[in-house]
């Protein structure tokens, strides 16, 4: 460390001392800057504004990641293939596709996943949790993607159009199944 005060702040990591406490919730931090960031959760303050849209956020790192969506900047490159991404976390997750690593394991069955989020979603099969609710009809879903699919059904929008006839539908899976009728494609083969 180039300055003694930087060393002193760093040493708090080793001692476990957290002298900076939040008055609202009691959570403590070793560094004052971490407390400042935390306080924004309570205040709702979002001082970092996107230069391309009206998005704002509480942390500078978040705005940098967000703005990469507008500039299509993907500074993280896979060393084994052409994959590029905006965050190092995404790259780490991608690397597991090459290694086959799946460190997150279900304690109730043989399921394993590369991400904690996928394991959390999987656990809903066991615990019955369906946190995504469509307020219009009250139907609940394990995954947000299932809710989005259901909303399409209610909207009566049919954005997926058959390239062979005038059939249209709300779900891409239904279109793929329909278009197989126009071809000889039969992806499910009997192996007996």
C-alpha atoms as a PDB file:
ATOM      1  CA  UNK A   1       0.000   0.000   0.000  1.00  0.00           C
ATOM      2  CA  UNK A   2       1.313   3.437  -0.861  1.00  0.00           C
ATOM      3  CA  UNK A   3      -0.396   5.153   2.081  1.00  0.00           C
ATOM      4  CA  UNK A   4      -0.658   4.095   5.717  1.00  0.00           C
ATOM      5  CA  UNK A   5      -4.398   4.887   5.868  1.00  0.00           C
ATOM      6  CA  UNK A   6      -5.020   2.461   2.975  1.00  0.00           C
ATOM      7  CA  UNK A   7      -3.194  -0.262   4.930  1.00  0.00           C
ATOM      8  CA  UNK A   8      -5.221   0.566   8.064  1.00  0.00           C
ATOM      9  CA  UNK A   9      -8.518   0.218   6.143  1.00  0.00           C
ATOM     10  CA  UNK A  10      -7.306  -3.017   4.553  1.00  0.00           C
ATOM     11  CA  UNK A  11      -6.357  -4.505   7.952  1.00  0.00           C
ATOM     12  CA  UNK A  12     -10.025  -4.272   8.989  1.00  0.00           C
ATOM     13  CA  UNK A  13     -10.718  -7.081   6.499  1.00  0.00           C
ATOM     14  CA  UNK A  14      -8.435  -9.398   8.519  1.00  0.00           C
ATOM     15  CA  UNK A  15      -9.661  -8.340  11.960  1.00  0.00           C
ATOM     16  CA  UNK A  16     -13.339  -8.624  11.002  1.00  0.00           C
ATOM     17  CA  UNK A  17     -13.937  -5.222  12.561  1.00  0.00           C
ATOM     18  CA  UNK A  18     -16.818  -3.294  11.008  1.00  0.00           C
ATOM     19  CA  UNK A  19     -16.913   0.153  12.583  1.00  0.00           C
ATOM     20  CA  UNK A  20     -19.287   1.759  10.047  1.00  0.00           C
ATOM     21  CA  UNK A  21     -22.891   0.900  10.960  1.00  0.00           C
ATOM     22  CA  UNK A  22     -26.161   1.719   9.219  1.00  0.00           C
ATOM     23  CA  UNK A  23     -28.603   3.603  11.482  1.00  0.00           C
ATOM     24  CA  UNK A  24     -31.623   2.240   9.594  1.00  0.00           C
ATOM     25  CA  UNK A  25     -30.987  -1.524   9.684  1.00  0.00           C
ATOM     26  CA  UNK A  26     -27.871  -2.068  11.822  1.00  0.00           C
ATOM     27  CA  UNK A  27     -25.776  -3.689   9.079  1.00  0.00           C
ATOM     28  CA  UNK A  28     -22.071  -2.904   9.539  1.00  0.00           C
ATOM     29  CA  UNK A  29     -19.177  -2.408   7.142  1.00  0.00           C
ATOM     30  CA  UNK A  30     -15.401  -2.261   7.407  1.00  0.00           C
ATOM     31  CA  UNK A  31     -15.198   0.675   4.997  1.00  0.00           C
ATOM     32  CA  UNK A  32     -17.124   3.959   5.055  1.00  0.00           C
ATOM     33  CA  UNK A  33     -17.519   3.844   1.262  1.00  0.00           C
ATOM     34  CA  UNK A  34     -19.380   0.527   1.543  1.00  0.00           C
ATOM     35  CA  UNK A  35     -21.748   2.092   4.091  1.00  0.00           C
ATOM     36  CA  UNK A  36     -22.361   5.013   1.718  1.00  0.00           C
ATOM     37  CA  UNK A  37     -23.304   2.582  -1.083  1.00  0.00           C
ATOM     38  CA  UNK A  38     -25.506   0.580   1.316  1.00  0.00           C
ATOM     39  CA  UNK A  39     -27.411   3.680   2.490  1.00  0.00           C
ATOM     40  CA  UNK A  40     -28.633   4.166  -1.078  1.00  0.00           C
ATOM     41  CA  UNK A  41     -30.764   1.025  -0.640  1.00  0.00           C
ATOM     42  CA  UNK A  42     -32.747   2.845   2.062  1.00  0.00           C
ATOM     43  CA  UNK A  43     -32.802   6.288   0.440  1.00  0.00           C
ATOM     44  CA  UNK A  44     -33.476   5.099  -3.090  1.00  0.00           C
ATOM     45  CA  UNK A  45     -30.768   7.474  -4.306  1.00  0.00           C
ATOM     46  CA  UNK A  46     -29.495   6.613  -7.784  1.00  0.00           C
ATOM     47  CA  UNK A  47     -26.758   9.121  -8.606  1.00  0.00           C
ATOM     48  CA  UNK A  48     -25.408   7.336 -11.679  1.00  0.00           C
ATOM     49  CA  UNK A  49     -27.365   8.196 -14.854  1.00  0.00           C
ATOM     50  CA  UNK A  50     -27.007   6.447 -18.214  1.00  0.00           C
ATOM     51  CA  UNK A  51     -25.847   8.785 -20.965  1.00  0.00           C
ATOM     52  CA  UNK A  52     -27.970   6.914 -23.529  1.00  0.00           C
ATOM     53  CA  UNK A  53     -31.345   6.362 -21.797  1.00  0.00           C
ATOM     54  CA  UNK A  54     -33.229   7.237 -18.604  1.00  0.00           C
ATOM     55  CA  UNK A  55     -31.756   4.333 -16.576  1.00  0.00           C
ATOM     56  CA  UNK A  56     -30.119   5.290 -13.287  1.00  0.00           C
ATOM     57  CA  UNK A  57     -28.569   3.234 -10.511  1.00  0.00           C
ATOM     58  CA  UNK A  58     -26.891   3.367  -7.118  1.00  0.00           C
ATOM     59  CA  UNK A  59     -23.422   2.056  -8.016  1.00  0.00           C
ATOM     60  CA  UNK A  60     -20.872   3.188 -10.575  1.00  0.00           C
ATOM     61  CA  UNK A  61     -20.014  -0.380 -11.628  1.00  0.00           C
ATOM     62  CA  UNK A  62     -23.655  -1.009 -12.502  1.00  0.00           C
ATOM     63  CA  UNK A  63     -23.819   2.020 -14.819  1.00  0.00           C
ATOM     64  CA  UNK A  64     -20.664   0.889 -16.638  1.00  0.00           C
ATOM     65  CA  UNK A  65     -22.159  -2.576 -17.210  1.00  0.00           C
ATOM     66  CA  UNK A  66     -25.489  -1.072 -18.302  1.00  0.00           C
ATOM     67  CA  UNK A  67     -23.943   1.353 -20.809  1.00  0.00           C
ATOM     68  CA  UNK A  68     -22.139  -1.530 -22.528  1.00  0.00           C
ATOM     69  CA  UNK A  69     -25.588  -2.659 -23.745  1.00  0.00           C
ATOM     70  CA  UNK A  70     -25.903   0.579 -25.719  1.00  0.00           C
ATOM     71  CA  UNK A  71     -22.383   0.563 -27.134  1.00  0.00           C
ATOM     72  CA  UNK A  72     -22.309  -3.207 -27.711  1.00  0.00           C
ATOM     73  CA  UNK A  73     -18.936  -3.218 -25.930  1.00  0.00           C
ATOM     74  CA  UNK A  74     -18.047  -6.733 -24.814  1.00  0.00           C
ATOM     75  CA  UNK A  75     -14.575  -6.573 -23.274  1.00  0.00           C
ATOM     76  CA  UNK A  76     -14.547 -10.140 -21.940  1.00  0.00           C
ATOM     77  CA  UNK A  77     -13.464 -12.760 -24.526  1.00  0.00           C
ATOM     78  CA  UNK A  78     -13.434 -16.533 -24.162  1.00  0.00           C
ATOM     79  CA  UNK A  79      -9.994 -17.986 -24.856  1.00  0.00           C
ATOM     80  CA  UNK A  80     -11.515 -21.173 -26.301  1.00  0.00           C
ATOM     81  CA  UNK A  81     -14.193 -19.846 -28.676  1.00  0.00           C
ATOM     82  CA  UNK A  82     -15.606 -16.627 -30.178  1.00  0.00           C
ATOM     83  CA  UNK A  83     -17.877 -15.864 -27.198  1.00  0.00           C
ATOM     84  CA  UNK A  84     -17.682 -12.306 -25.856  1.00  0.00           C
ATOM     85  CA  UNK A  85     -19.665 -10.698 -23.059  1.00  0.00           C
ATOM     86  CA  UNK A  86     -20.083  -7.584 -20.961  1.00  0.00           C
ATOM     87  CA  UNK A  87     -19.132  -8.946 -17.507  1.00  0.00           C
ATOM     88  CA  UNK A  88     -16.484 -11.210 -16.016  1.00  0.00           C
ATOM     89  CA  UNK A  89     -19.251 -13.120 -14.194  1.00  0.00           C
ATOM     90  CA  UNK A  90     -20.862 -13.991 -17.534  1.00  0.00           C
ATOM     91  CA  UNK A  91     -17.499 -15.137 -18.864  1.00  0.00           C
ATOM     92  CA  UNK A  92     -16.904 -17.358 -15.805  1.00  0.00           C
ATOM     93  CA  UNK A  93     -20.356 -18.880 -16.264  1.00  0.00           C
ATOM     94  CA  UNK A  94     -19.661 -19.414 -19.988  1.00  0.00           C
ATOM     95  CA  UNK A  95     -16.342 -21.144 -19.277  1.00  0.00           C
ATOM     96  CA  UNK A  96     -18.290 -23.859 -17.477  1.00  0.00           C
ATOM     97  CA  UNK A  97     -19.747 -24.872 -20.854  1.00  0.00           C
ATOM     98  CA  UNK A  98     -16.205 -25.835 -21.895  1.00  0.00           C
ATOM     99  CA  UNK A  99     -15.233 -27.527 -18.639  1.00  0.00           C
ATOM    100  CA  UNK A 100     -18.592 -29.156 -17.930  1.00  0.00           C
ATOM    101  CA  UNK A 101     -18.294 -27.882 -14.382  1.00  0.00           C
ATOM    102  CA  UNK A 102     -21.580 -27.786 -12.463  1.00  0.00           C
ATOM    103  CA  UNK A 103     -20.711 -26.886  -8.875  1.00  0.00           C
ATOM    104  CA  UNK A 104     -24.240 -26.153  -7.658  1.00  0.00           C
ATOM    105  CA  UNK A 105     -25.904 -29.392  -6.500  1.00  0.00           C
ATOM    106  CA  UNK A 106     -29.426 -30.112  -5.343  1.00  0.00           C
ATOM    107  CA  UNK A 107     -29.547 -31.768  -1.926  1.00  0.00           C
ATOM    108  CA  UNK A 108     -32.789 -33.574  -2.782  1.00  0.00           C
ATOM    109  CA  UNK A 109     -32.021 -35.139  -6.184  1.00  0.00           C
ATOM    110  CA  UNK A 110     -29.211 -35.546  -8.740  1.00  0.00           C
ATOM    111  CA  UNK A 111     -29.659 -32.105 -10.349  1.00  0.00           C
ATOM    112  CA  UNK A 112     -26.474 -30.047 -10.820  1.00  0.00           C
ATOM    113  CA  UNK A 113     -26.036 -26.656 -12.477  1.00  0.00           C
ATOM    114  CA  UNK A 114     -23.382 -24.162 -13.439  1.00  0.00           C
ATOM    115  CA  UNK A 115     -25.173 -21.287 -11.696  1.00  0.00           C
ATOM    116  CA  UNK A 116     -26.695 -20.675  -8.296  1.00  0.00           C
ATOM    117  CA  UNK A 117     -29.709 -19.059 -10.002  1.00  0.00           C
ATOM    118  CA  UNK A 118     -30.487 -22.223 -11.957  1.00  0.00           C
ATOM    119  CA  UNK A 119     -30.279 -24.279  -8.761  1.00  0.00           C
ATOM    120  CA  UNK A 120     -32.577 -21.823  -6.968  1.00  0.00           C
ATOM    121  CA  UNK A 121     -35.125 -22.121  -9.788  1.00  0.00           C
ATOM    122  CA  UNK A 122     -34.788 -25.921  -9.715  1.00  0.00           C
ATOM    123  CA  UNK A 123     -35.460 -26.026  -5.962  1.00  0.00           C
ATOM    124  CA  UNK A 124     -38.933 -24.626  -6.653  1.00  0.00           C
ATOM    125  CA  UNK A 125     -39.821 -28.046  -8.083  1.00  0.00           C
ATOM    126  CA  UNK A 126     -39.205 -29.523  -4.630  1.00  0.00           C
ATOM    127  CA  UNK A 127     -40.636 -26.743  -2.465  1.00  0.00           C
ATOM    128  CA  UNK A 128     -43.586 -25.849  -4.712  1.00  0.00           C
ATOM    129  CA  UNK A 129     -42.692 -22.156  -4.715  1.00  0.00           C
ATOM    130  CA  UNK A 130     -44.191 -20.164  -7.589  1.00  0.00           C
ATOM    131  CA  UNK A 131     -43.197 -16.555  -6.949  1.00  0.00           C
ATOM    132  CA  UNK A 132     -44.195 -15.100 -10.334  1.00  0.00           C
ATOM    133  CA  UNK A 133     -47.881 -14.119 -10.341  1.00  0.00           C
ATOM    134  CA  UNK A 134     -49.976 -12.810 -13.218  1.00  0.00           C
ATOM    135  CA  UNK A 135     -52.278 -10.344 -11.476  1.00  0.00           C
ATOM    136  CA  UNK A 136     -54.924 -10.433 -14.214  1.00  0.00           C
ATOM    137  CA  UNK A 137     -55.844 -14.086 -13.606  1.00  0.00           C
ATOM    138  CA  UNK A 138     -53.909 -15.050 -10.460  1.00  0.00           C
ATOM    139  CA  UNK A 139     -51.979 -17.879 -12.119  1.00  0.00           C
ATOM    140  CA  UNK A 140     -48.522 -18.474 -10.605  1.00  0.00           C
ATOM    141  CA  UNK A 141     -45.265 -19.665 -12.162  1.00  0.00           C
ATOM    142  CA  UNK A 142     -41.892 -21.009 -11.043  1.00  0.00           C
ATOM    143  CA  UNK A 143     -39.963 -19.022 -13.641  1.00  0.00           C
ATOM    144  CA  UNK A 144     -40.331 -15.488 -14.963  1.00  0.00           C
ATOM    145  CA  UNK A 145     -40.045 -16.824 -18.533  1.00  0.00           C
ATOM    146  CA  UNK A 146     -43.167 -18.937 -17.936  1.00  0.00           C
ATOM    147  CA  UNK A 147     -45.043 -15.834 -16.749  1.00  0.00           C
ATOM    148  CA  UNK A 148     -43.971 -13.900 -19.864  1.00  0.00           C
ATOM    149  CA  UNK A 149     -45.176 -16.751 -22.062  1.00  0.00           C
ATOM    150  CA  UNK A 150     -48.527 -16.785 -20.239  1.00  0.00           C
ATOM    151  CA  UNK A 151     -48.954 -13.020 -20.651  1.00  0.00           C
ATOM    152  CA  UNK A 152     -48.617 -13.483 -24.418  1.00  0.00           C
ATOM    153  CA  UNK A 153     -51.531 -15.918 -24.355  1.00  0.00           C
ATOM    154  CA  UNK A 154     -53.702 -13.336 -22.553  1.00  0.00           C
ATOM    155  CA  UNK A 155     -52.669 -10.538 -24.906  1.00  0.00           C
ATOM    156  CA  UNK A 156     -53.963 -12.529 -27.884  1.00  0.00           C
ATOM    157  CA  UNK A 157     -50.939 -11.283 -29.829  1.00  0.00           C
ATOM    158  CA  UNK A 158     -49.602 -13.844 -32.267  1.00  0.00           C
ATOM    159  CA  UNK A 159     -46.174 -12.607 -33.312  1.00  0.00           C
ATOM    160  CA  UNK A 160     -44.950 -15.965 -34.662  1.00  0.00           C
ATOM    161  CA  UNK A 161     -46.037 -16.521 -38.275  1.00  0.00           C
ATOM    162  CA  UNK A 162     -45.681 -19.673 -40.339  1.00  0.00           C
ATOM    163  CA  UNK A 163     -43.505 -19.264 -43.421  1.00  0.00           C
ATOM    164  CA  UNK A 164     -45.656 -21.775 -45.355  1.00  0.00           C
ATOM    165  CA  UNK A 165     -49.263 -20.772 -44.543  1.00  0.00           C
ATOM    166  CA  UNK A 166     -51.251 -18.124 -42.632  1.00  0.00           C
ATOM    167  CA  UNK A 167     -50.969 -19.863 -39.250  1.00  0.00           C
ATOM    168  CA  UNK A 168     -49.778 -17.613 -36.416  1.00  0.00           C
ATOM    169  CA  UNK A 169     -49.382 -18.181 -32.693  1.00  0.00           C
ATOM    170  CA  UNK A 170     -48.214 -16.651 -29.423  1.00  0.00           C
ATOM    171  CA  UNK A 171     -45.439 -19.141 -28.639  1.00  0.00           C
ATOM    172  CA  UNK A 172     -42.351 -19.991 -30.698  1.00  0.00           C
ATOM    173  CA  UNK A 173     -42.536 -23.651 -29.628  1.00  0.00           C
ATOM    174  CA  UNK A 174     -46.022 -23.951 -31.113  1.00  0.00           C
ATOM    175  CA  UNK A 175     -44.799 -22.455 -34.399  1.00  0.00           C
ATOM    176  CA  UNK A 176     -41.893 -24.929 -34.607  1.00  0.00           C
ATOM    177  CA  UNK A 177     -44.255 -27.838 -33.947  1.00  0.00           C
ATOM    178  CA  UNK A 178     -46.688 -26.511 -36.592  1.00  0.00           C
ATOM    179  CA  UNK A 179     -43.995 -25.973 -39.252  1.00  0.00           C
ATOM    180  CA  UNK A 180     -42.898 -29.606 -38.929  1.00  0.00           C
ATOM    181  CA  UNK A 181     -46.242 -30.507 -40.525  1.00  0.00           C
ATOM    182  CA  UNK A 182     -45.047 -28.765 -43.692  1.00  0.00           C
ATOM    183  CA  UNK A 183     -41.807 -30.758 -43.824  1.00  0.00           C
ATOM    184  CA  UNK A 184     -40.616 -34.297 -43.319  1.00  0.00           C
ATOM    185  CA  UNK A 185     -38.770 -33.327 -40.134  1.00  0.00           C
ATOM    186  CA  UNK A 186     -39.443 -35.807 -37.356  1.00  0.00           C
ATOM    187  CA  UNK A 187     -37.040 -35.007 -34.519  1.00  0.00           C
ATOM    188  CA  UNK A 188     -38.294 -37.744 -32.182  1.00  0.00           C
ATOM    189  CA  UNK A 189     -37.161 -41.129 -33.465  1.00  0.00           C
ATOM    190  CA  UNK A 190     -37.822 -44.559 -31.993  1.00  0.00           C
ATOM    191  CA  UNK A 191     -34.548 -46.274 -31.174  1.00  0.00           C
ATOM    192  CA  UNK A 192     -36.063 -49.777 -30.872  1.00  0.00           C
END
